[in-house]
Amino acid sequence: MIHGIVIHGDGLGRSYGYPTANLDCIRKDVKFSSGVYAAWAFVNHKKYTSALVIQHDPWKVEVYIIGFDGDLYGKYVEVDPVQKVSELEWFETTEEIIKKIDQDIVLVKEVLALK
């Protein structure tokens, strides 16, 4: 389980149509490699289908909580990674980035539908 308080990030996820909650968590406590994971997120004791992104260089942990609409800044969030769905990739254009995120979200939903 990964957990932390939601802090302000760079806003890129929101600009791509996928607002993420950036978690302020202790690096040594995150035992997962960089990548995109299908995960369950827990907000106010409610469970959500989520896409978790872990990036080690530079350090970042963020989660896109599918179906959540609200302000999470300053709130405590727990995330339970279930399965890695893809590696992090770097793209030249915004369109390529959004296409990759779209594909990852499909994979996340497929994985968690089986759990």
PDB file of N, CA and C in Angstrom:
ATOM      1  N   MET A   1       0.858  -1.180   0.000  1.00  0.00           N
ATOM      2  CA  MET A   1       0.000   0.000   0.000  1.00  0.00           C
ATOM      3  C   MET A   1       0.899   1.236   0.000  1.00  0.00           C
ATOM      4  N   ILE A   2       0.559   2.169  -0.854  1.00  0.00           N
ATOM      5  CA  ILE A   2       1.241   3.461  -0.918  1.00  0.00           C
ATOM      6  C   ILE A   2       0.260   4.491  -0.373  1.00  0.00           C
ATOM      7  N   HIS A   3       0.743   5.424   0.411  1.00  0.00           N
ATOM      8  CA  HIS A   3      -0.169   6.409   0.984  1.00  0.00           C
ATOM      9  C   HIS A   3       0.552   7.737   1.161  1.00  0.00           C
ATOM     10  N   GLY A   4      -0.254   8.779   1.217  1.00  0.00           N
ATOM     11  CA  GLY A   4       0.317  10.095   1.424  1.00  0.00           C
ATOM     12  C   GLY A   4      -0.732  11.181   1.337  1.00  0.00           C
ATOM     13  N   ILE A   5      -0.281  12.378   1.607  1.00  0.00           N
ATOM     14  CA  ILE A   5      -1.122  13.569   1.499  1.00  0.00           C
ATOM     15  C   ILE A   5      -1.007  14.093   0.071  1.00  0.00           C
ATOM     16  N   VAL A   6      -2.127  14.520  -0.495  1.00  0.00           N
ATOM     17  CA  VAL A   6      -2.136  15.051  -1.861  1.00  0.00           C
ATOM     18  C   VAL A   6      -1.559  16.467  -1.861  1.00  0.00           C
ATOM     19  N   ILE A   7      -0.575  16.656  -2.740  1.00  0.00           N
ATOM     20  CA  ILE A   7       0.097  17.952  -2.879  1.00  0.00           C
ATOM     21  C   ILE A   7      -0.070  18.456  -4.311  1.00  0.00           C
ATOM     22  N   HIS A   8       0.248  19.712  -4.530  1.00  0.00           N
ATOM     23  CA  HIS A   8       0.176  20.280  -5.874  1.00  0.00           C
ATOM     24  C   HIS A   8       1.313  19.731  -6.726  1.00  0.00           C
ATOM     25  N   GLY A   9       0.990  19.373  -7.975  1.00  0.00           N
ATOM     26  CA  GLY A   9       1.993  18.914  -8.924  1.00  0.00           C
ATOM     27  C   GLY A   9       2.173  19.942 -10.024  1.00  0.00           C
ATOM     28  N   ASP A  10       2.630  19.471 -11.176  1.00  0.00           N
ATOM     29  CA  ASP A  10       2.894  20.381 -12.293  1.00  0.00           C
ATOM     30  C   ASP A  10       1.662  20.670 -13.144  1.00  0.00           C
ATOM     31  N   GLY A  11       0.559  19.962 -12.922  1.00  0.00           N
ATOM     32  CA  GLY A  11      -0.682  20.224 -13.646  1.00  0.00           C
ATOM     33  C   GLY A  11      -0.754  19.614 -15.030  1.00  0.00           C
ATOM     34  N   LEU A  12       0.257  18.835 -15.421  1.00  0.00           N
ATOM     35  CA  LEU A  12       0.247  18.258 -16.770  1.00  0.00           C
ATOM     36  C   LEU A  12      -0.897  17.270 -16.960  1.00  0.00           C
ATOM     37  N   GLY A  13      -1.130  16.410 -15.972  1.00  0.00           N
ATOM     38  CA  GLY A  13      -2.221  15.443 -16.091  1.00  0.00           C
ATOM     39  C   GLY A  13      -3.546  16.126 -16.368  1.00  0.00           C
ATOM     40  N   ARG A  14      -3.825  17.182 -15.643  1.00  0.00           N
ATOM     41  CA  ARG A  14      -5.068  17.935 -15.845  1.00  0.00           C
ATOM     42  C   ARG A  14      -5.127  18.515 -17.260  1.00  0.00           C
ATOM     43  N   SER A  15      -3.999  19.004 -17.762  1.00  0.00           N
ATOM     44  CA  SER A  15      -3.981  19.596 -19.107  1.00  0.00           C
ATOM     45  C   SER A  15      -4.230  18.543 -20.186  1.00  0.00           C
ATOM     46  N   TYR A  16      -3.968  17.266 -19.869  1.00  0.00           N
ATOM     47  CA  TYR A  16      -4.221  16.171 -20.819  1.00  0.00           C
ATOM     48  C   TYR A  16      -5.616  15.578 -20.652  1.00  0.00           C
ATOM     49  N   GLY A  17      -6.392  16.101 -19.707  1.00  0.00           N
ATOM     50  CA  GLY A  17      -7.730  15.576 -19.463  1.00  0.00           C
ATOM     51  C   GLY A  17      -7.769  14.484 -18.402  1.00  0.00           C
ATOM     52  N   TYR A  18      -6.660  14.283 -17.705  1.00  0.00           N
ATOM     53  CA  TYR A  18      -6.553  13.260 -16.667  1.00  0.00           C
ATOM     54  C   TYR A  18      -5.954  13.879 -15.401  1.00  0.00           C
ATOM     55  N   PRO A  19      -6.768  14.572 -14.614  1.00  0.00           N
ATOM     56  CA  PRO A  19      -6.232  15.190 -13.402  1.00  0.00           C
ATOM     57  C   PRO A  19      -5.746  14.122 -12.419  1.00  0.00           C
ATOM     58  N   THR A  20      -4.549  14.299 -11.919  1.00  0.00           N
ATOM     59  CA  THR A  20      -3.978  13.322 -11.003  1.00  0.00           C
ATOM     60  C   THR A  20      -3.784  13.930  -9.622  1.00  0.00           C
ATOM     61  N   ALA A  21      -3.774  13.045  -8.639  1.00  0.00           N
ATOM     62  CA  ALA A  21      -3.452  13.432  -7.269  1.00  0.00           C
ATOM     63  C   ALA A  21      -1.998  13.057  -7.035  1.00  0.00           C
ATOM     64  N   ASN A  22      -1.165  14.044  -6.787  1.00  0.00           N
ATOM     65  CA  ASN A  22       0.253  13.813  -6.506  1.00  0.00           C
ATOM     66  C   ASN A  22       0.406  13.540  -5.016  1.00  0.00           C
ATOM     67  N   LEU A  23       1.020  12.409  -4.691  1.00  0.00           N
ATOM     68  CA  LEU A  23       1.145  12.011  -3.295  1.00  0.00           C
ATOM     69  C   LEU A  23       2.507  12.381  -2.730  1.00  0.00           C
ATOM     70  N   ASP A  24       2.481  12.987  -1.573  1.00  0.00           N
ATOM     71  CA  ASP A  24       3.705  13.277  -0.837  1.00  0.00           C
ATOM     72  C   ASP A  24       3.987  12.054   0.029  1.00  0.00           C
ATOM     73  N   CYS A  25       4.778  11.129  -0.520  1.00  0.00           N
ATOM     74  CA  CYS A  25       5.064   9.903   0.209  1.00  0.00           C
ATOM     75  C   CYS A  25       6.571   9.696   0.307  1.00  0.00           C
ATOM     76  N   ILE A  26       6.960   8.874   1.238  1.00  0.00           N
ATOM     77  CA  ILE A  26       8.378   8.644   1.505  1.00  0.00           C
ATOM     78  C   ILE A  26       8.937   7.677   0.469  1.00  0.00           C
ATOM     79  N   ARG A  27       9.951   8.117  -0.236  1.00  0.00           N
ATOM     80  CA  ARG A  27      10.514   7.358  -1.358  1.00  0.00           C
ATOM     81  C   ARG A  27      10.914   5.942  -0.968  1.00  0.00           C
ATOM     82  N   LYS A  28      11.572   5.783   0.152  1.00  0.00           N
ATOM     83  CA  LYS A  28      12.054   4.452   0.548  1.00  0.00           C
ATOM     84  C   LYS A  28      10.905   3.497   0.880  1.00  0.00           C
ATOM     85  N   ASP A  29       9.715   4.036   1.121  1.00  0.00           N
ATOM     86  CA  ASP A  29       8.555   3.199   1.418  1.00  0.00           C
ATOM     87  C   ASP A  29       7.861   2.682   0.162  1.00  0.00           C
ATOM     88  N   VAL A  30       8.211   3.226  -0.998  1.00  0.00           N
ATOM     89  CA  VAL A  30       7.597   2.804  -2.262  1.00  0.00           C
ATOM     90  C   VAL A  30       8.481   1.720  -2.867  1.00  0.00           C
ATOM     91  N   LYS A  31       8.007   0.485  -2.823  1.00  0.00           N
ATOM     92  CA  LYS A  31       8.813  -0.680  -3.222  1.00  0.00           C
ATOM     93  C   LYS A  31       8.535  -1.126  -4.657  1.00  0.00           C
ATOM     94  N   PHE A  32       7.975  -0.267  -5.466  1.00  0.00           N
ATOM     95  CA  PHE A  32       7.615  -0.610  -6.837  1.00  0.00           C
ATOM     96  C   PHE A  32       8.535   0.110  -7.813  1.00  0.00           C
ATOM     97  N   SER A  33       8.763  -0.504  -8.965  1.00  0.00           N
ATOM     98  CA  SER A  33       9.581   0.121 -10.002  1.00  0.00           C
ATOM     99  C   SER A  33       8.772   1.192 -10.726  1.00  0.00           C
ATOM    100  N   SER A  34       9.457   2.026 -11.484  1.00  0.00           N
ATOM    101  CA  SER A  34       8.777   3.044 -12.288  1.00  0.00           C
ATOM    102  C   SER A  34       7.829   2.368 -13.265  1.00  0.00           C
ATOM    103  N   GLY A  35       6.681   2.994 -13.491  1.00  0.00           N
ATOM    104  CA  GLY A  35       5.722   2.461 -14.447  1.00  0.00           C
ATOM    105  C   GLY A  35       4.313   2.907 -14.132  1.00  0.00           C
ATOM    106  N   VAL A  36       3.383   2.355 -14.909  1.00  0.00           N
ATOM    107  CA  VAL A  36       1.960   2.631 -14.742  1.00  0.00           C
ATOM    108  C   VAL A  36       1.312   1.359 -14.200  1.00  0.00           C
ATOM    109  N   TYR A  37       0.524   1.509 -13.155  1.00  0.00           N
ATOM    110  CA  TYR A  37      -0.089   0.374 -12.470  1.00  0.00           C
ATOM    111  C   TYR A  37      -1.608   0.514 -12.413  1.00  0.00           C
ATOM    112  N   ALA A  38      -2.305  -0.610 -12.573  1.00  0.00           N
ATOM    113  CA  ALA A  38      -3.716  -0.671 -12.210  1.00  0.00           C
ATOM    114  C   ALA A  38      -3.735  -0.721 -10.690  1.00  0.00           C
ATOM    115  N   ALA A  39      -4.576   0.088 -10.071  1.00  0.00           N
ATOM    116  CA  ALA A  39      -4.561   0.174  -8.609  1.00  0.00           C
ATOM    117  C   ALA A  39      -5.944   0.529  -8.082  1.00  0.00           C
ATOM    118  N   TRP A  40      -6.130   0.204  -6.815  1.00  0.00           N
ATOM    119  CA  TRP A  40      -7.312   0.668  -6.094  1.00  0.00           C
ATOM    120  C   TRP A  40      -6.887   1.865  -5.263  1.00  0.00           C
ATOM    121  N   ALA A  41      -7.637   2.944  -5.357  1.00  0.00           N
ATOM    122  CA  ALA A  41      -7.384   4.118  -4.517  1.00  0.00           C
ATOM    123  C   ALA A  41      -8.506   4.216  -3.489  1.00  0.00           C
ATOM    124  N   PHE A  42      -8.144   4.628  -2.296  1.00  0.00           N
ATOM    125  CA  PHE A  42      -9.113   4.764  -1.213  1.00  0.00           C
ATOM    126  C   PHE A  42      -9.130   6.210  -0.744  1.00  0.00           C
ATOM    127  N   VAL A  43     -10.308   6.826  -0.910  1.00  0.00           N
ATOM    128  CA  VAL A  43     -10.511   8.217  -0.511  1.00  0.00           C
ATOM    129  C   VAL A  43     -11.743   8.249   0.382  1.00  0.00           C
ATOM    130  N   ASN A  44     -11.589   8.733   1.598  1.00  0.00           N
ATOM    131  CA  ASN A  44     -12.714   8.789   2.549  1.00  0.00           C
ATOM    132  C   ASN A  44     -13.421   7.440   2.666  1.00  0.00           C
ATOM    133  N   HIS A  45     -12.652   6.376   2.742  1.00  0.00           N
ATOM    134  CA  HIS A  45     -13.140   5.002   2.914  1.00  0.00           C
ATOM    135  C   HIS A  45     -13.915   4.478   1.709  1.00  0.00           C
ATOM    136  N   LYS A  46     -13.803   5.130   0.578  1.00  0.00           N
ATOM    137  CA  LYS A  46     -14.444   4.660  -0.650  1.00  0.00           C
ATOM    138  C   LYS A  46     -13.361   4.184  -1.613  1.00  0.00           C
ATOM    139  N   LYS A  47     -13.632   3.074  -2.311  1.00  0.00           N
ATOM    140  CA  LYS A  47     -12.665   2.441  -3.207  1.00  0.00           C
ATOM    141  C   LYS A  47     -12.929   2.866  -4.654  1.00  0.00           C
ATOM    142  N   TYR A  48     -11.855   3.265  -5.357  1.00  0.00           N
ATOM    143  CA  TYR A  48     -11.958   3.721  -6.743  1.00  0.00           C
ATOM    144  C   TYR A  48     -10.970   2.969  -7.637  1.00  0.00           C
ATOM    145  N   THR A  49     -11.389   2.703  -8.859  1.00  0.00           N
ATOM    146  CA  THR A  49     -10.497   2.212  -9.904  1.00  0.00           C
ATOM    147  C   THR A  49      -9.533   3.342 -10.237  1.00  0.00           C
ATOM    148  N   SER A  50      -8.233   3.019 -10.339  1.00  0.00           N
ATOM    149  CA  SER A  50      -7.244   4.083 -10.516  1.00  0.00           C
ATOM    150  C   SER A  50      -6.054   3.643 -11.354  1.00  0.00           C
ATOM    151  N   ALA A  51      -5.415   4.632 -11.952  1.00  0.00           N
ATOM    152  CA  ALA A  51      -4.138   4.427 -12.639  1.00  0.00           C
ATOM    153  C   ALA A  51      -3.074   5.122 -11.802  1.00  0.00           C
ATOM    154  N   LEU A  52      -2.101   4.346 -11.353  1.00  0.00           N
ATOM    155  CA  LEU A  52      -1.021   4.853 -10.519  1.00  0.00           C
ATOM    156  C   LEU A  52       0.241   4.990 -11.356  1.00  0.00           C
ATOM    157  N   VAL A  53       0.891   6.140 -11.266  1.00  0.00           N
ATOM    158  CA  VAL A  53       2.158   6.357 -11.964  1.00  0.00           C
ATOM    159  C   VAL A  53       3.252   6.554 -10.921  1.00  0.00           C
ATOM    160  N   ILE A  54       4.289   5.726 -11.042  1.00  0.00           N
ATOM    161  CA  ILE A  54       5.461   5.860 -10.183  1.00  0.00           C
ATOM    162  C   ILE A  54       6.636   6.194 -11.083  1.00  0.00           C
ATOM    163  N   GLN A  55       7.296   7.277 -10.763  1.00  0.00           N
ATOM    164  CA  GLN A  55       8.459   7.724 -11.538  1.00  0.00           C
ATOM    165  C   GLN A  55       9.597   7.964 -10.554  1.00  0.00           C
ATOM    166  N   HIS A  56      10.732   7.311 -10.784  1.00  0.00           N
ATOM    167  CA  HIS A  56      11.844   7.423  -9.842  1.00  0.00           C
ATOM    168  C   HIS A  56      12.820   8.552 -10.159  1.00  0.00           C
ATOM    169  N   ASP A  57      12.897   9.002 -11.406  1.00  0.00           N
ATOM    170  CA  ASP A  57      13.871  10.042 -11.739  1.00  0.00           C
ATOM    171  C   ASP A  57      13.304  10.977 -12.798  1.00  0.00           C
ATOM    172  N   PRO A  58      12.783  12.141 -12.447  1.00  0.00           N
ATOM    173  CA  PRO A  58      12.678  12.666 -11.093  1.00  0.00           C
ATOM    174  C   PRO A  58      11.548  11.969 -10.323  1.00  0.00           C
ATOM    175  N   TRP A  59      11.628  12.007  -9.008  1.00  0.00           N
ATOM    176  CA  TRP A  59      10.701  11.314  -8.129  1.00  0.00           C
ATOM    177  C   TRP A  59       9.299  11.909  -8.203  1.00  0.00           C
ATOM    178  N   LYS A  60       8.313  11.006  -8.447  1.00  0.00           N
ATOM    179  CA  LYS A  60       6.918  11.435  -8.500  1.00  0.00           C
ATOM    180  C   LYS A  60       6.026  10.215  -8.313  1.00  0.00           C
ATOM    181  N   VAL A  61       4.992  10.358  -7.505  1.00  0.00           N
ATOM    182  CA  VAL A  61       3.953   9.343  -7.373  1.00  0.00           C
ATOM    183  C   VAL A  61       2.633  10.072  -7.544  1.00  0.00           C
ATOM    184  N   GLU A  62       1.879   9.666  -8.564  1.00  0.00           N
ATOM    185  CA  GLU A  62       0.595  10.320  -8.812  1.00  0.00           C
ATOM    186  C   GLU A  62      -0.433   9.284  -9.215  1.00  0.00           C
ATOM    187  N   VAL A  63      -1.687   9.588  -8.936  1.00  0.00           N
ATOM    188  CA  VAL A  63      -2.762   8.643  -9.213  1.00  0.00           C
ATOM    189  C   VAL A  63      -3.924   9.374  -9.881  1.00  0.00           C
ATOM    190  N   TYR A  64      -4.414   8.765 -10.976  1.00  0.00           N
ATOM    191  CA  TYR A  64      -5.625   9.252 -11.639  1.00  0.00           C
ATOM    192  C   TYR A  64      -6.759   8.393 -11.107  1.00  0.00           C
ATOM    193  N   ILE A  65      -7.673   8.997 -10.386  1.00  0.00           N
ATOM    194  CA  ILE A  65      -8.761   8.276  -9.737  1.00  0.00           C
ATOM    195  C   ILE A  65      -9.992   8.369 -10.628  1.00  0.00           C
ATOM    196  N   ILE A  66     -10.302   7.266 -11.281  1.00  0.00           N
ATOM    197  CA  ILE A  66     -11.387   7.224 -12.262  1.00  0.00           C
ATOM    198  C   ILE A  66     -12.729   7.406 -11.551  1.00  0.00           C
ATOM    199  N   GLY A  67     -13.498   8.370 -12.024  1.00  0.00           N
ATOM    200  CA  GLY A  67     -14.824   8.614 -11.475  1.00  0.00           C
ATOM    201  C   GLY A  67     -14.853   9.526 -10.258  1.00  0.00           C
ATOM    202  N   PHE A  68     -13.681   9.992  -9.812  1.00  0.00           N
ATOM    203  CA  PHE A  68     -13.663  10.901  -8.668  1.00  0.00           C
ATOM    204  C   PHE A  68     -13.745  12.332  -9.157  1.00  0.00           C
ATOM    205  N   ASP A  69     -14.611  13.100  -8.519  1.00  0.00           N
ATOM    206  CA  ASP A  69     -14.749  14.512  -8.848  1.00  0.00           C
ATOM    207  C   ASP A  69     -14.746  15.293  -7.540  1.00  0.00           C
ATOM    208  N   GLY A  70     -13.678  15.987  -7.294  1.00  0.00           N
ATOM    209  CA  GLY A  70     -13.594  16.748  -6.057  1.00  0.00           C
ATOM    210  C   GLY A  70     -12.181  17.231  -5.821  1.00  0.00           C
ATOM    211  N   ASP A  71     -12.019  17.968  -4.759  1.00  0.00           N
ATOM    212  CA  ASP A  71     -10.719  18.533  -4.402  1.00  0.00           C
ATOM    213  C   ASP A  71     -10.037  17.617  -3.390  1.00  0.00           C
ATOM    214  N   LEU A  72      -8.844  17.151  -3.723  1.00  0.00           N
ATOM    215  CA  LEU A  72      -8.107  16.253  -2.841  1.00  0.00           C
ATOM    216  C   LEU A  72      -6.906  16.909  -2.165  1.00  0.00           C
ATOM    217  N   TYR A  73      -6.600  18.150  -2.505  1.00  0.00           N
ATOM    218  CA  TYR A  73      -5.417  18.794  -1.934  1.00  0.00           C
ATOM    219  C   TYR A  73      -5.471  18.780  -0.405  1.00  0.00           C
ATOM    220  N   GLY A  74      -4.379  18.287   0.197  1.00  0.00           N
ATOM    221  CA  GLY A  74      -4.299  18.217   1.646  1.00  0.00           C
ATOM    222  C   GLY A  74      -4.966  17.002   2.258  1.00  0.00           C
ATOM    223  N   LYS A  75      -5.605  16.175   1.421  1.00  0.00           N
ATOM    224  CA  LYS A  75      -6.295  14.986   1.926  1.00  0.00           C
ATOM    225  C   LYS A  75      -5.372  13.768   1.888  1.00  0.00           C
ATOM    226  N   TYR A  76      -5.653  12.804   2.738  1.00  0.00           N
ATOM    227  CA  TYR A  76      -4.900  11.552   2.824  1.00  0.00           C
ATOM    228  C   TYR A  76      -5.507  10.545   1.851  1.00  0.00           C
ATOM    229  N   VAL A  77      -4.664   9.933   1.020  1.00  0.00           N
ATOM    230  CA  VAL A  77      -5.109   8.938   0.033  1.00  0.00           C
ATOM    231  C   VAL A  77      -4.230   7.700   0.162  1.00  0.00           C
ATOM    232  N   GLU A  78      -4.866   6.527   0.102  1.00  0.00           N
ATOM    233  CA  GLU A  78      -4.144   5.255   0.063  1.00  0.00           C
ATOM    234  C   GLU A  78      -4.332   4.646  -1.312  1.00  0.00           C
ATOM    235  N   VAL A  79      -3.278   4.010  -1.828  1.00  0.00           N
ATOM    236  CA  VAL A  79      -3.339   3.384  -3.150  1.00  0.00           C
ATOM    237  C   VAL A  79      -2.748   1.980  -3.037  1.00  0.00           C
ATOM    238  N   ASP A  80      -3.497   1.002  -3.530  1.00  0.00           N
ATOM    239  CA  ASP A  80      -3.063  -0.396  -3.500  1.00  0.00           C
ATOM    240  C   ASP A  80      -2.780  -0.847  -4.932  1.00  0.00           C
ATOM    241  N   PRO A  81      -1.510  -0.871  -5.349  1.00  0.00           N
ATOM    242  CA  PRO A  81      -1.172  -1.309  -6.707  1.00  0.00           C
ATOM    243  C   PRO A  81      -1.515  -2.789  -6.891  1.00  0.00           C
ATOM    244  N   VAL A  82      -2.141  -3.106  -8.018  1.00  0.00           N
ATOM    245  CA  VAL A  82      -2.559  -4.478  -8.301  1.00  0.00           C
ATOM    246  C   VAL A  82      -1.646  -5.123  -9.331  1.00  0.00           C
ATOM    247  N   GLN A  83      -1.408  -4.395 -10.431  1.00  0.00           N
ATOM    248  CA  GLN A  83      -0.603  -4.970 -11.519  1.00  0.00           C
ATOM    249  C   GLN A  83      -0.023  -3.856 -12.384  1.00  0.00           C
ATOM    250  N   LYS A  84       1.229  -4.016 -12.772  1.00  0.00           N
ATOM    251  CA  LYS A  84       1.848  -3.067 -13.703  1.00  0.00           C
ATOM    252  C   LYS A  84       1.239  -3.290 -15.082  1.00  0.00           C
ATOM    253  N   VAL A  85       0.811  -2.195 -15.725  1.00  0.00           N
ATOM    254  CA  VAL A  85       0.201  -2.322 -17.049  1.00  0.00           C
ATOM    255  C   VAL A  85       1.094  -1.793 -18.158  1.00  0.00           C
ATOM    256  N   SER A  86       2.052  -0.920 -17.823  1.00  0.00           N
ATOM    257  CA  SER A  86       2.967  -0.437 -18.859  1.00  0.00           C
ATOM    258  C   SER A  86       4.170   0.267 -18.237  1.00  0.00           C
ATOM    259  N   GLU A  87       5.170   0.427 -19.067  1.00  0.00           N
ATOM    260  CA  GLU A  87       6.364   1.176 -18.681  1.00  0.00           C
ATOM    261  C   GLU A  87       6.131   2.655 -18.977  1.00  0.00           C
ATOM    262  N   LEU A  88       6.889   3.503 -18.338  1.00  0.00           N
ATOM    263  CA  LEU A  88       6.846   4.926 -18.667  1.00  0.00           C
ATOM    264  C   LEU A  88       7.546   5.130 -19.999  1.00  0.00           C
ATOM    265  N   GLU A  89       6.981   5.983 -20.813  1.00  0.00           N
ATOM    266  CA  GLU A  89       7.567   6.300 -22.114  1.00  0.00           C
ATOM    267  C   GLU A  89       7.580   7.817 -22.272  1.00  0.00           C
ATOM    268  N   TRP A  90       8.450   8.304 -23.127  1.00  0.00           N
ATOM    269  CA  TRP A  90       8.547   9.740 -23.391  1.00  0.00           C
ATOM    270  C   TRP A  90       8.156   9.990 -24.838  1.00  0.00           C
ATOM    271  N   PHE A  91       7.350  11.027 -25.064  1.00  0.00           N
ATOM    272  CA  PHE A  91       6.824  11.325 -26.386  1.00  0.00           C
ATOM    273  C   PHE A  91       7.130  12.761 -26.784  1.00  0.00           C
ATOM    274  N   GLU A  92       7.099  12.993 -28.079  1.00  0.00           N
ATOM    275  CA  GLU A  92       7.384  14.322 -28.623  1.00  0.00           C
ATOM    276  C   GLU A  92       6.167  15.246 -28.600  1.00  0.00           C
ATOM    277  N   THR A  93       4.970  14.668 -28.778  1.00  0.00           N
ATOM    278  CA  THR A  93       3.786  15.518 -28.916  1.00  0.00           C
ATOM    279  C   THR A  93       2.749  15.215 -27.835  1.00  0.00           C
ATOM    280  N   THR A  94       1.908  16.204 -27.579  1.00  0.00           N
ATOM    281  CA  THR A  94       0.808  16.043 -26.635  1.00  0.00           C
ATOM    282  C   THR A  94      -0.141  14.956 -27.108  1.00  0.00           C
ATOM    283  N   GLU A  95      -0.387  14.890 -28.405  1.00  0.00           N
ATOM    284  CA  GLU A  95      -1.295  13.884 -28.955  1.00  0.00           C
ATOM    285  C   GLU A  95      -0.798  12.475 -28.652  1.00  0.00           C
ATOM    286  N   GLU A  96       0.508  12.253 -28.776  1.00  0.00           N
ATOM    287  CA  GLU A  96       1.082  10.935 -28.481  1.00  0.00           C
ATOM    288  C   GLU A  96       0.941  10.595 -26.995  1.00  0.00           C
ATOM    289  N   ILE A  97       1.142  11.584 -26.152  1.00  0.00           N
ATOM    290  CA  ILE A  97       1.020  11.375 -24.707  1.00  0.00           C
ATOM    291  C   ILE A  97      -0.411  10.988 -24.351  1.00  0.00           C
ATOM    292  N   ILE A  98      -1.374  11.735 -24.874  1.00  0.00           N
ATOM    293  CA  ILE A  98      -2.785  11.466 -24.572  1.00  0.00           C
ATOM    294  C   ILE A  98      -3.190  10.090 -25.094  1.00  0.00           C
ATOM    295  N   LYS A  99      -2.719   9.710 -26.264  1.00  0.00           N
ATOM    296  CA  LYS A  99      -3.027   8.382 -26.815  1.00  0.00           C
ATOM    297  C   LYS A  99      -2.507   7.284 -25.889  1.00  0.00           C
ATOM    298  N   LYS A 100      -1.291   7.452 -25.366  1.00  0.00           N
ATOM    299  CA  LYS A 100      -0.702   6.471 -24.446  1.00  0.00           C
ATOM    300  C   LYS A 100      -1.500   6.410 -23.149  1.00  0.00           C
ATOM    301  N   ILE A 101      -1.892   7.557 -22.619  1.00  0.00           N
ATOM    302  CA  ILE A 101      -2.695   7.572 -21.391  1.00  0.00           C
ATOM    303  C   ILE A 101      -4.027   6.875 -21.635  1.00  0.00           C
ATOM    304  N   ASP A 102      -4.672   7.177 -22.755  1.00  0.00           N
ATOM    305  CA  ASP A 102      -5.938   6.519 -23.105  1.00  0.00           C
ATOM    306  C   ASP A 102      -5.776   4.999 -23.100  1.00  0.00           C
ATOM    307  N   GLN A 103      -4.697   4.513 -23.721  1.00  0.00           N
ATOM    308  CA  GLN A 103      -4.436   3.069 -23.784  1.00  0.00           C
ATOM    309  C   GLN A 103      -4.209   2.494 -22.393  1.00  0.00           C
ATOM    310  N   ASP A 104      -3.456   3.206 -21.576  1.00  0.00           N
ATOM    311  CA  ASP A 104      -3.195   2.738 -20.213  1.00  0.00           C
ATOM    312  C   ASP A 104      -4.483   2.650 -19.399  1.00  0.00           C
ATOM    313  N   ILE A 105      -5.370   3.614 -19.555  1.00  0.00           N
ATOM    314  CA  ILE A 105      -6.632   3.605 -18.806  1.00  0.00           C
ATOM    315  C   ILE A 105      -7.480   2.402 -19.208  1.00  0.00           C
ATOM    316  N   VAL A 106      -7.502   2.066 -20.486  1.00  0.00           N
ATOM    317  CA  VAL A 106      -8.221   0.867 -20.941  1.00  0.00           C
ATOM    318  C   VAL A 106      -7.648  -0.371 -20.260  1.00  0.00           C
ATOM    319  N   LEU A 107      -6.324  -0.485 -20.227  1.00  0.00           N
ATOM    320  CA  LEU A 107      -5.672  -1.634 -19.584  1.00  0.00           C
ATOM    321  C   LEU A 107      -5.986  -1.686 -18.087  1.00  0.00           C
ATOM    322  N   VAL A 108      -5.954  -0.547 -17.429  1.00  0.00           N
ATOM    323  CA  VAL A 108      -6.264  -0.476 -15.997  1.00  0.00           C
ATOM    324  C   VAL A 108      -7.669  -1.009 -15.741  1.00  0.00           C
ATOM    325  N   LYS A 109      -8.634  -0.548 -16.519  1.00  0.00           N
ATOM    326  CA  LYS A 109     -10.022  -0.986 -16.338  1.00  0.00           C
ATOM    327  C   LYS A 109     -10.162  -2.483 -16.590  1.00  0.00           C
ATOM    328  N   GLU A 110      -9.464  -3.001 -17.606  1.00  0.00           N
ATOM    329  CA  GLU A 110      -9.523  -4.436 -17.905  1.00  0.00           C
ATOM    330  C   GLU A 110      -8.953  -5.255 -16.752  1.00  0.00           C
ATOM    331  N   VAL A 111      -7.800  -4.860 -16.247  1.00  0.00           N
ATOM    332  CA  VAL A 111      -7.157  -5.595 -15.146  1.00  0.00           C
ATOM    333  C   VAL A 111      -8.046  -5.596 -13.905  1.00  0.00           C
ATOM    334  N   LEU A 112      -8.559  -4.444 -13.535  1.00  0.00           N
ATOM    335  CA  LEU A 112      -9.324  -4.352 -12.295  1.00  0.00           C
ATOM    336  C   LEU A 112     -10.713  -4.965 -12.414  1.00  0.00           C
ATOM    337  N   ALA A 113     -11.236  -5.081 -13.623  1.00  0.00           N
ATOM    338  CA  ALA A 113     -12.527  -5.750 -13.820  1.00  0.00           C
ATOM    339  C   ALA A 113     -12.419  -7.235 -13.480  1.00  0.00           C
ATOM    340  N   LEU A 114     -11.211  -7.784 -13.577  1.00  0.00           N
ATOM    341  CA  LEU A 114     -10.982  -9.201 -13.295  1.00  0.00           C
ATOM    342  C   LEU A 114     -10.686  -9.459 -11.824  1.00  0.00           C
ATOM    343  N   LYS A 115     -10.516  -8.414 -11.045  1.00  0.00           N
ATOM    344  CA  LYS A 115     -10.133  -8.575  -9.625  1.00  0.00           C
ATOM    345  C   LYS A 115     -11.324  -8.499  -8.701  1.00  0.00           C
TER     346      LYS A 115
END
